[in-house]
Full PDB file with SEQRES, HELIX, SHEET, SSBOND, CRYST1, ORIGX, SCALE, CONECT and MASTER records, all heavy atoms in Angstrom:
SEQRES   1 A   35  CYS ILE PHE ASP GLY SER PRO SER GLY THR LYS ALA ASP          
SEQRES   2 A   35  PRO ASP TRP SER ARG LEU TRP ASP PHE ALA ALA ARG SER          
SEQRES   3 A   35  GLY VAL THR TRP PHE GLY ALA GLY ALA                          
HELIX    1 AA1 ARG A   18  SER A   26  1                                   9    
CRYST1    1.000    1.000    1.000  90.00  90.00  90.00 P 1           1          
ORIGX1      1.000000  0.000000  0.000000        0.00000                         
ORIGX2      0.000000  1.000000  0.000000        0.00000                         
ORIGX3      0.000000  0.000000  1.000000        0.00000                         
SCALE1      1.000000  0.000000  0.000000        0.00000                         
SCALE2      0.000000  1.000000  0.000000        0.00000                         
SCALE3      0.000000  0.000000  1.000000        0.00000                         
ATOM      1  N   CYS A   1       2.934 -13.352  -1.856  1.00  0.00           N  
ATOM      2  CA  CYS A   1       2.425 -14.080  -0.697  1.00  0.00           C  
ATOM      3  C   CYS A   1       1.667 -15.300  -1.197  1.00  0.00           C  
ATOM      4  O   CYS A   1       0.686 -15.162  -1.940  1.00  0.00           O  
ATOM      5  CB  CYS A   1       1.503 -13.194   0.138  1.00  0.00           C  
ATOM      6  SG  CYS A   1       2.316 -11.730   0.821  1.00  0.00           S  
ATOM      7  N   ILE A   2       2.127 -16.491  -0.806  1.00  0.00           N  
ATOM      8  CA  ILE A   2       1.548 -17.721  -1.340  1.00  0.00           C  
ATOM      9  C   ILE A   2       0.927 -18.537  -0.216  1.00  0.00           C  
ATOM     10  O   ILE A   2       1.427 -18.571   0.903  1.00  0.00           O  
ATOM     11  CB  ILE A   2       2.593 -18.549  -2.110  1.00  0.00           C  
ATOM     12  CG1 ILE A   2       3.762 -18.971  -1.223  1.00  0.00           C  
ATOM     13  CG2 ILE A   2       3.111 -17.738  -3.304  1.00  0.00           C  
ATOM     14  CD1 ILE A   2       4.801 -19.834  -1.933  1.00  0.00           C  
ATOM     15  N   PHE A   3      -0.188 -19.189  -0.541  1.00  0.00           N  
ATOM     16  CA  PHE A   3      -0.938 -19.976   0.446  1.00  0.00           C  
ATOM     17  C   PHE A   3      -1.078 -21.396  -0.053  1.00  0.00           C  
ATOM     18  O   PHE A   3      -1.482 -21.632  -1.197  1.00  0.00           O  
ATOM     19  CB  PHE A   3      -2.321 -19.355   0.670  1.00  0.00           C  
ATOM     20  CG  PHE A   3      -3.149 -20.066   1.713  1.00  0.00           C  
ATOM     21  CD1 PHE A   3      -2.972 -19.787   3.059  1.00  0.00           C  
ATOM     22  CD2 PHE A   3      -4.099 -21.016   1.348  1.00  0.00           C  
ATOM     23  CE1 PHE A   3      -3.736 -20.436   4.024  1.00  0.00           C  
ATOM     24  CE2 PHE A   3      -4.864 -21.670   2.309  1.00  0.00           C  
ATOM     25  CZ  PHE A   3      -4.681 -21.387   3.656  1.00  0.00           C  
ATOM     26  N   ASP A   4      -0.760 -22.359   0.803  1.00  0.00           N  
ATOM     27  CA  ASP A   4      -0.862 -23.774   0.467  1.00  0.00           C  
ATOM     28  C   ASP A   4      -1.964 -24.406   1.298  1.00  0.00           C  
ATOM     29  O   ASP A   4      -1.852 -24.508   2.515  1.00  0.00           O  
ATOM     30  CB  ASP A   4       0.480 -24.471   0.744  1.00  0.00           C  
ATOM     31  CG  ASP A   4       0.403 -25.975   0.532  1.00  0.00           C  
ATOM     32  OD1 ASP A   4      -0.349 -26.409  -0.354  1.00  0.00           O  
ATOM     33  OD2 ASP A   4       1.099 -26.710   1.265  1.00  0.00           O  
ATOM     34  N   GLY A   5      -3.031 -24.829   0.637  1.00  0.00           N  
ATOM     35  CA  GLY A   5      -4.115 -25.481   1.361  1.00  0.00           C  
ATOM     36  C   GLY A   5      -5.467 -25.081   0.819  1.00  0.00           C  
ATOM     37  O   GLY A   5      -5.597 -24.425  -0.213  1.00  0.00           O  
ATOM     38  N   SER A   6      -6.501 -25.487   1.539  1.00  0.00           N  
ATOM     39  CA  SER A   6      -7.869 -25.176   1.149  1.00  0.00           C  
ATOM     40  C   SER A   6      -8.237 -23.763   1.598  1.00  0.00           C  
ATOM     41  O   SER A   6      -7.968 -23.392   2.744  1.00  0.00           O  
ATOM     42  CB  SER A   6      -8.836 -26.180   1.777  1.00  0.00           C  
ATOM     43  OG  SER A   6     -10.171 -25.731   1.664  1.00  0.00           O  
ATOM     44  N   PRO A   7      -8.882 -22.998   0.727  1.00  0.00           N  
ATOM     45  CA  PRO A   7      -9.264 -21.636   1.125  1.00  0.00           C  
ATOM     46  C   PRO A   7     -10.412 -21.609   2.119  1.00  0.00           C  
ATOM     47  O   PRO A   7     -10.708 -20.550   2.694  1.00  0.00           O  
ATOM     48  CB  PRO A   7      -9.676 -20.990  -0.200  1.00  0.00           C  
ATOM     49  CG  PRO A   7     -10.155 -22.140  -1.031  1.00  0.00           C  
ATOM     50  CD  PRO A   7      -9.267 -23.299  -0.662  1.00  0.00           C  
ATOM     51  N   SER A   8     -11.037 -22.767   2.349  1.00  0.00           N  
ATOM     52  CA  SER A   8     -12.190 -22.794   3.256  1.00  0.00           C  
ATOM     53  C   SER A   8     -12.065 -23.865   4.331  1.00  0.00           C  
ATOM     54  O   SER A   8     -13.048 -24.188   4.997  1.00  0.00           O  
ATOM     55  CB  SER A   8     -13.477 -23.029   2.458  1.00  0.00           C  
ATOM     56  OG  SER A   8     -13.412 -24.261   1.743  1.00  0.00           O  
ATOM     57  N   GLY A   9     -10.878 -24.426   4.510  1.00  0.00           N  
ATOM     58  CA  GLY A   9     -10.704 -25.439   5.544  1.00  0.00           C  
ATOM     59  C   GLY A   9     -11.374 -26.743   5.166  1.00  0.00           C  
ATOM     60  O   GLY A   9     -11.365 -27.155   4.006  1.00  0.00           O  
ATOM     61  N   THR A  10     -11.999 -27.402   6.127  1.00  0.00           N  
ATOM     62  CA  THR A  10     -12.594 -28.708   5.889  1.00  0.00           C  
ATOM     63  C   THR A  10     -13.930 -28.585   5.169  1.00  0.00           C  
ATOM     64  O   THR A  10     -14.633 -27.578   5.288  1.00  0.00           O  
ATOM     65  CB  THR A  10     -12.810 -29.457   7.211  1.00  0.00           C  
ATOM     66  OG1 THR A  10     -13.792 -28.754   7.992  1.00  0.00           O  
ATOM     67  CG2 THR A  10     -11.519 -29.537   8.009  1.00  0.00           C  
ATOM     68  N   LYS A  11     -14.282 -29.657   4.446  1.00  0.00           N  
ATOM     69  CA  LYS A  11     -15.566 -29.665   3.757  1.00  0.00           C  
ATOM     70  C   LYS A  11     -16.722 -29.784   4.749  1.00  0.00           C  
ATOM     71  O   LYS A  11     -17.806 -29.246   4.525  1.00  0.00           O  
ATOM     72  CB  LYS A  11     -15.609 -30.806   2.750  1.00  0.00           C  
ATOM     73  CG  LYS A  11     -14.689 -30.601   1.554  1.00  0.00           C  
ATOM     74  CD  LYS A  11     -14.874 -31.701   0.525  1.00  0.00           C  
ATOM     75  CE  LYS A  11     -13.997 -31.439  -0.697  1.00  0.00           C  
ATOM     76  NZ  LYS A  11     -14.156 -32.501  -1.731  1.00  0.00           N  
ATOM     77  N   ALA A  12     -16.494 -30.502   5.834  1.00  0.00           N  
ATOM     78  CA  ALA A  12     -17.561 -30.700   6.813  1.00  0.00           C  
ATOM     79  C   ALA A  12     -17.902 -29.410   7.550  1.00  0.00           C  
ATOM     80  O   ALA A  12     -19.060 -29.197   7.926  1.00  0.00           O  
ATOM     81  CB  ALA A  12     -17.139 -31.778   7.810  1.00  0.00           C  
ATOM     82  N   ASP A  13     -16.912 -28.563   7.747  1.00  0.00           N  
ATOM     83  CA  ASP A  13     -17.130 -27.314   8.493  1.00  0.00           C  
ATOM     84  C   ASP A  13     -16.381 -26.176   7.797  1.00  0.00           C  
ATOM     85  O   ASP A  13     -15.370 -25.673   8.304  1.00  0.00           O  
ATOM     86  CB  ASP A  13     -16.650 -27.484   9.928  1.00  0.00           C  
ATOM     87  CG  ASP A  13     -16.975 -26.277  10.798  1.00  0.00           C  
ATOM     88  OD1 ASP A  13     -17.906 -25.523  10.432  1.00  0.00           O  
ATOM     89  OD2 ASP A  13     -16.294 -26.081  11.826  1.00  0.00           O  
ATOM     90  N   PRO A  14     -16.852 -25.750   6.621  1.00  0.00           N  
ATOM     91  CA  PRO A  14     -16.115 -24.743   5.849  1.00  0.00           C  
ATOM     92  C   PRO A  14     -16.053 -23.397   6.552  1.00  0.00           C  
ATOM     93  O   PRO A  14     -17.008 -22.977   7.201  1.00  0.00           O  
ATOM     94  CB  PRO A  14     -16.914 -24.645   4.542  1.00  0.00           C  
ATOM     95  CG  PRO A  14     -18.282 -25.149   4.877  1.00  0.00           C  
ATOM     96  CD  PRO A  14     -18.090 -26.178   5.948  1.00  0.00           C  
ATOM     97  N   ASP A  15     -14.908 -22.752   6.400  1.00  0.00           N  
ATOM     98  CA  ASP A  15     -14.683 -21.429   6.992  1.00  0.00           C  
ATOM     99  C   ASP A  15     -14.020 -20.564   5.918  1.00  0.00           C  
ATOM    100  O   ASP A  15     -12.820 -20.665   5.676  1.00  0.00           O  
ATOM    101  CB  ASP A  15     -13.792 -21.559   8.225  1.00  0.00           C  
ATOM    102  CG  ASP A  15     -13.451 -20.204   8.834  1.00  0.00           C  
ATOM    103  OD1 ASP A  15     -13.983 -19.179   8.354  1.00  0.00           O  
ATOM    104  OD2 ASP A  15     -12.630 -20.173   9.767  1.00  0.00           O  
ATOM    105  N   TRP A  16     -14.804 -19.701   5.289  1.00  0.00           N  
ATOM    106  CA  TRP A  16     -14.307 -18.901   4.158  1.00  0.00           C  
ATOM    107  C   TRP A  16     -13.512 -17.681   4.600  1.00  0.00           C  
ATOM    108  O   TRP A  16     -13.103 -16.876   3.769  1.00  0.00           O  
ATOM    109  CB  TRP A  16     -15.464 -18.499   3.252  1.00  0.00           C  
ATOM    110  CG  TRP A  16     -15.992 -19.682   2.503  1.00  0.00           C  
ATOM    111  CD1 TRP A  16     -17.071 -20.454   2.822  1.00  0.00           C  
ATOM    112  CD2 TRP A  16     -15.430 -20.249   1.324  1.00  0.00           C  
ATOM    113  NE1 TRP A  16     -17.210 -21.472   1.921  1.00  0.00           N  
ATOM    114  CE2 TRP A  16     -16.228 -21.369   0.982  1.00  0.00           C  
ATOM    115  CE3 TRP A  16     -14.329 -19.933   0.518  1.00  0.00           C  
ATOM    116  CZ2 TRP A  16     -15.955 -22.169  -0.132  1.00  0.00           C  
ATOM    117  CZ3 TRP A  16     -14.060 -20.715  -0.588  1.00  0.00           C  
ATOM    118  CH2 TRP A  16     -14.864 -21.815  -0.907  1.00  0.00           C  
ATOM    119  N   SER A  17     -13.267 -17.561   5.888  1.00  0.00           N  
ATOM    120  CA  SER A  17     -12.434 -16.449   6.366  1.00  0.00           C  
ATOM    121  C   SER A  17     -10.945 -16.805   6.371  1.00  0.00           C  
ATOM    122  O   SER A  17     -10.104 -15.940   6.607  1.00  0.00           O  
ATOM    123  CB  SER A  17     -12.856 -16.035   7.777  1.00  0.00           C  
ATOM    124  OG  SER A  17     -12.506 -17.033   8.734  1.00  0.00           O  
ATOM    125  N   ARG A  18     -10.601 -18.070   6.137  1.00  0.00           N  
ATOM    126  CA  ARG A  18      -9.217 -18.521   6.291  1.00  0.00           C  
ATOM    127  C   ARG A  18      -8.249 -17.762   5.388  1.00  0.00           C  
ATOM    128  O   ARG A  18      -7.162 -17.370   5.804  1.00  0.00           O  
ATOM    129  CB  ARG A  18      -9.120 -20.025   6.007  1.00  0.00           C  
ATOM    130  CG  ARG A  18      -9.640 -20.893   7.139  1.00  0.00           C  
ATOM    131  CD  ARG A  18      -9.644 -22.358   6.751  1.00  0.00           C  
ATOM    132  NE  ARG A  18      -9.972 -23.197   7.883  1.00  0.00           N  
ATOM    133  CZ  ARG A  18      -9.086 -23.833   8.637  1.00  0.00           C  
ATOM    134  NH1 ARG A  18      -7.789 -23.705   8.374  1.00  0.00           N  
ATOM    135  NH2 ARG A  18      -9.466 -24.596   9.646  1.00  0.00           N  
ATOM    136  N   LEU A  19      -8.619 -17.592   4.128  1.00  0.00           N  
ATOM    137  CA  LEU A  19      -7.719 -16.918   3.200  1.00  0.00           C  
ATOM    138  C   LEU A  19      -7.587 -15.438   3.543  1.00  0.00           C  
ATOM    139  O   LEU A  19      -6.516 -14.841   3.375  1.00  0.00           O  
ATOM    140  CB  LEU A  19      -8.217 -17.108   1.765  1.00  0.00           C  
ATOM    141  CG  LEU A  19      -7.173 -17.053   0.658  1.00  0.00           C  
ATOM    142  CD1 LEU A  19      -6.065 -18.065   0.898  1.00  0.00           C  
ATOM    143  CD2 LEU A  19      -7.826 -17.321  -0.701  1.00  0.00           C  
ATOM    144  N   TRP A  20      -8.677 -14.855   4.008  1.00  0.00           N  
ATOM    145  CA  TRP A  20      -8.617 -13.451   4.426  1.00  0.00           C  
ATOM    146  C   TRP A  20      -7.747 -13.302   5.672  1.00  0.00           C  
ATOM    147  O   TRP A  20      -7.015 -12.307   5.816  1.00  0.00           O  
ATOM    148  CB  TRP A  20     -10.025 -12.920   4.691  1.00  0.00           C  
ATOM    149  CG  TRP A  20     -10.901 -12.907   3.479  1.00  0.00           C  
ATOM    150  CD1 TRP A  20     -11.949 -13.746   3.217  1.00  0.00           C  
ATOM    151  CD2 TRP A  20     -10.796 -12.028   2.362  1.00  0.00           C  
ATOM    152  NE1 TRP A  20     -12.504 -13.434   2.001  1.00  0.00           N  
ATOM    153  CE2 TRP A  20     -11.819 -12.383   1.452  1.00  0.00           C  
ATOM    154  CE3 TRP A  20      -9.945 -10.971   2.027  1.00  0.00           C  
ATOM    155  CZ2 TRP A  20     -12.020 -11.726   0.242  1.00  0.00           C  
ATOM    156  CZ3 TRP A  20     -10.132 -10.308   0.821  1.00  0.00           C  
ATOM    157  CH2 TRP A  20     -11.158 -10.685  -0.053  1.00  0.00           C  
ATOM    158  N   ASP A  21      -7.809 -14.285   6.565  1.00  0.00           N  
ATOM    159  CA  ASP A  21      -6.940 -14.262   7.742  1.00  0.00           C  
ATOM    160  C   ASP A  21      -5.474 -14.333   7.323  1.00  0.00           C  
ATOM    161  O   ASP A  21      -4.625 -13.618   7.877  1.00  0.00           O  
ATOM    162  CB  ASP A  21      -7.290 -15.435   8.663  1.00  0.00           C  
ATOM    163  CG  ASP A  21      -6.379 -15.507   9.879  1.00  0.00           C  
ATOM    164  OD1 ASP A  21      -6.454 -14.605  10.731  1.00  0.00           O  
ATOM    165  OD2 ASP A  21      -5.576 -16.460   9.955  1.00  0.00           O  
ATOM    166  N   PHE A  22      -5.186 -15.204   6.348  1.00  0.00           N  
ATOM    167  CA  PHE A  22      -3.828 -15.278   5.807  1.00  0.00           C  
ATOM    168  C   PHE A  22      -3.401 -13.928   5.247  1.00  0.00           C  
ATOM    169  O   PHE A  22      -2.270 -13.462   5.476  1.00  0.00           O  
ATOM    170  CB  PHE A  22      -3.767 -16.351   4.718  1.00  0.00           C  
ATOM    171  CG  PHE A  22      -2.660 -16.169   3.719  1.00  0.00           C  
ATOM    172  CD1 PHE A  22      -1.338 -16.393   4.071  1.00  0.00           C  
ATOM    173  CD2 PHE A  22      -2.938 -15.768   2.418  1.00  0.00           C  
ATOM    174  CE1 PHE A  22      -0.311 -16.225   3.146  1.00  0.00           C  
ATOM    175  CE2 PHE A  22      -1.927 -15.601   1.490  1.00  0.00           C  
ATOM    176  CZ  PHE A  22      -0.604 -15.826   1.851  1.00  0.00           C  
ATOM    177  N   ALA A  23      -4.299 -13.271   4.502  1.00  0.00           N  
ATOM    178  CA  ALA A  23      -3.972 -11.972   3.912  1.00  0.00           C  
ATOM    179  C   ALA A  23      -3.666 -10.942   4.990  1.00  0.00           C  
ATOM    180  O   ALA A  23      -2.708 -10.160   4.874  1.00  0.00           O  
ATOM    181  CB  ALA A  23      -5.123 -11.497   3.031  1.00  0.00           C  
ATOM    182  N   ALA A  24      -4.468 -10.940   6.049  1.00  0.00           N  
ATOM    183  CA  ALA A  24      -4.250  -9.982   7.132  1.00  0.00           C  
ATOM    184  C   ALA A  24      -2.932 -10.247   7.847  1.00  0.00           C  
ATOM    185  O   ALA A  24      -2.155  -9.323   8.127  1.00  0.00           O  
ATOM    186  CB  ALA A  24      -5.417 -10.052   8.117  1.00  0.00           C  
ATOM    187  N   ARG A  25      -2.651 -11.514   8.131  1.00  0.00           N  
ATOM    188  CA  ARG A  25      -1.433 -11.871   8.852  1.00  0.00           C  
ATOM    189  C   ARG A  25      -0.178 -11.658   8.010  1.00  0.00           C  
ATOM    190  O   ARG A  25       0.909 -11.429   8.545  1.00  0.00           O  
ATOM    191  CB  ARG A  25      -1.518 -13.325   9.322  1.00  0.00           C  
ATOM    192  CG  ARG A  25      -2.581 -13.555  10.380  1.00  0.00           C  
ATOM    193  CD  ARG A  25      -2.794 -15.033  10.662  1.00  0.00           C  
ATOM    194  NE  ARG A  25      -1.584 -15.660  11.217  1.00  0.00           N  
ATOM    195  CZ  ARG A  25      -1.500 -16.951  11.491  1.00  0.00           C  
ATOM    196  NH1 ARG A  25      -2.531 -17.758  11.254  1.00  0.00           N  
ATOM    197  NH2 ARG A  25      -0.380 -17.444  11.999  1.00  0.00           N  
ATOM    198  N   SER A  26      -0.323 -11.722   6.696  1.00  0.00           N  
ATOM    199  CA  SER A  26       0.836 -11.606   5.805  1.00  0.00           C  
ATOM    200  C   SER A  26       1.021 -10.200   5.253  1.00  0.00           C  
ATOM    201  O   SER A  26       1.970  -9.955   4.511  1.00  0.00           O  
ATOM    202  CB  SER A  26       0.693 -12.598   4.639  1.00  0.00           C  
ATOM    203  OG  SER A  26       0.557 -13.914   5.112  1.00  0.00           O  
ATOM    204  N   GLY A  27       0.123  -9.287   5.574  1.00  0.00           N  
ATOM    205  CA  GLY A  27       0.244  -7.913   5.089  1.00  0.00           C  
ATOM    206  C   GLY A  27      -0.050  -7.761   3.614  1.00  0.00           C  
ATOM    207  O   GLY A  27       0.505  -6.869   2.946  1.00  0.00           O  
ATOM    208  N   VAL A  28      -0.938  -8.618   3.082  1.00  0.00           N  
ATOM    209  CA  VAL A  28      -1.270  -8.565   1.657  1.00  0.00           C  
ATOM    210  C   VAL A  28      -1.902  -7.217   1.318  1.00  0.00           C  
ATOM    211  O   VAL A  28      -2.796  -6.733   2.023  1.00  0.00           O  
ATOM    212  CB  VAL A  28      -2.227  -9.718   1.287  1.00  0.00           C  
ATOM    213  CG1 VAL A  28      -2.817  -9.529  -0.105  1.00  0.00           C  
ATOM    214  CG2 VAL A  28      -1.496 -11.060   1.385  1.00  0.00           C  
ATOM    215  N   THR A  29      -1.449  -6.614   0.226  1.00  0.00           N  
ATOM    216  CA  THR A  29      -2.042  -5.364  -0.255  1.00  0.00           C  
ATOM    217  C   THR A  29      -2.805  -5.565  -1.566  1.00  0.00           C  
ATOM    218  O   THR A  29      -3.579  -4.706  -1.977  1.00  0.00           O  
ATOM    219  CB  THR A  29      -0.955  -4.290  -0.483  1.00  0.00           C  
ATOM    220  OG1 THR A  29      -0.003  -4.778  -1.437  1.00  0.00           O  
ATOM    221  CG2 THR A  29      -0.238  -3.965   0.818  1.00  0.00           C  
ATOM    222  N   TRP A  30      -2.540  -6.678  -2.239  1.00  0.00           N  
ATOM    223  CA  TRP A  30      -3.170  -6.990  -3.543  1.00  0.00           C  
ATOM    224  C   TRP A  30      -3.663  -8.428  -3.447  1.00  0.00           C  
ATOM    225  O   TRP A  30      -2.873  -9.362  -3.382  1.00  0.00           O  
ATOM    226  CB  TRP A  30      -2.145  -6.845  -4.649  1.00  0.00           C  
ATOM    227  CG  TRP A  30      -2.618  -6.453  -6.016  1.00  0.00           C  
ATOM    228  CD1 TRP A  30      -2.291  -5.319  -6.700  1.00  0.00           C  
ATOM    229  CD2 TRP A  30      -3.458  -7.209  -6.904  1.00  0.00           C  
ATOM    230  NE1 TRP A  30      -2.883  -5.312  -7.942  1.00  0.00           N  
ATOM    231  CE2 TRP A  30      -3.611  -6.464  -8.094  1.00  0.00           C  
ATOM    232  CE3 TRP A  30      -4.121  -8.432  -6.817  1.00  0.00           C  
ATOM    233  CZ2 TRP A  30      -4.387  -6.906  -9.173  1.00  0.00           C  
ATOM    234  CZ3 TRP A  30      -4.895  -8.864  -7.878  1.00  0.00           C  
ATOM    235  CH2 TRP A  30      -5.019  -8.112  -9.039  1.00  0.00           C  
ATOM    236  N   PHE A  31      -4.995  -8.624  -3.454  1.00  0.00           N  
ATOM    237  CA  PHE A  31      -5.592  -9.930  -3.171  1.00  0.00           C  
ATOM    238  C   PHE A  31      -6.377 -10.422  -4.377  1.00  0.00           C  
ATOM    239  O   PHE A  31      -7.355  -9.797  -4.789  1.00  0.00           O  
ATOM    240  CB  PHE A  31      -6.518  -9.814  -1.956  1.00  0.00           C  
ATOM    241  CG  PHE A  31      -7.154 -11.107  -1.509  1.00  0.00           C  
ATOM    242  CD1 PHE A  31      -6.628 -11.809  -0.432  1.00  0.00           C  
ATOM    243  CD2 PHE A  31      -8.278 -11.619  -2.143  1.00  0.00           C  
ATOM    244  CE1 PHE A  31      -7.222 -12.992  -0.009  1.00  0.00           C  
ATOM    245  CE2 PHE A  31      -8.863 -12.798  -1.732  1.00  0.00           C  
ATOM    246  CZ  PHE A  31      -8.333 -13.494  -0.657  1.00  0.00           C  
ATOM    247  N   GLY A  32      -5.954 -11.546  -4.956  1.00  0.00           N  
ATOM    248  CA  GLY A  32      -6.647 -12.113  -6.106  1.00  0.00           C  
ATOM    249  C   GLY A  32      -7.084 -13.544  -5.854  1.00  0.00           C  
ATOM    250  O   GLY A  32      -6.457 -14.287  -5.093  1.00  0.00           O  
ATOM    251  N   ALA A  33      -8.154 -13.931  -6.521  1.00  0.00           N  
ATOM    252  CA  ALA A  33      -8.675 -15.299  -6.412  1.00  0.00           C  
ATOM    253  C   ALA A  33      -9.639 -15.538  -7.564  1.00  0.00           C  
ATOM    254  O   ALA A  33      -9.993 -14.621  -8.305  1.00  0.00           O  
ATOM    255  CB  ALA A  33      -9.375 -15.518  -5.070  1.00  0.00           C  
ATOM    256  N   GLY A  34     -10.071 -16.776  -7.700  1.00  0.00           N  
ATOM    257  CA  GLY A  34     -11.088 -17.086  -8.694  1.00  0.00           C  
ATOM    258  C   GLY A  34     -12.418 -16.456  -8.325  1.00  0.00           C  
ATOM    259  O   GLY A  34     -12.715 -16.222  -7.142  1.00  0.00           O  
ATOM    260  N   ALA A  35     -13.249 -16.191  -9.327  1.00  0.00           N  
ATOM    261  CA  ALA A  35     -14.556 -15.580  -9.068  1.00  0.00           C  
ATOM    262  C   ALA A  35     -15.387 -16.424  -8.109  1.00  0.00           C  
ATOM    263  O   ALA A  35     -16.131 -15.898  -7.277  1.00  0.00           O  
ATOM    264  CB  ALA A  35     -15.298 -15.381 -10.386  1.00  0.00           C  
TER     265      ALA A  35                                                      
MASTER        0    0    0    1    0    0    0    6  264    1    0    3          
END                                                                             
């Protein structure tokens, strides 16, 4: 499952749930990212 874009949306109004939303919508079972 691959994601293209910012993991937090815009810099002015960051939303750190975006990548988790992608994981939920895509059925991700194994989730990795930088520390």
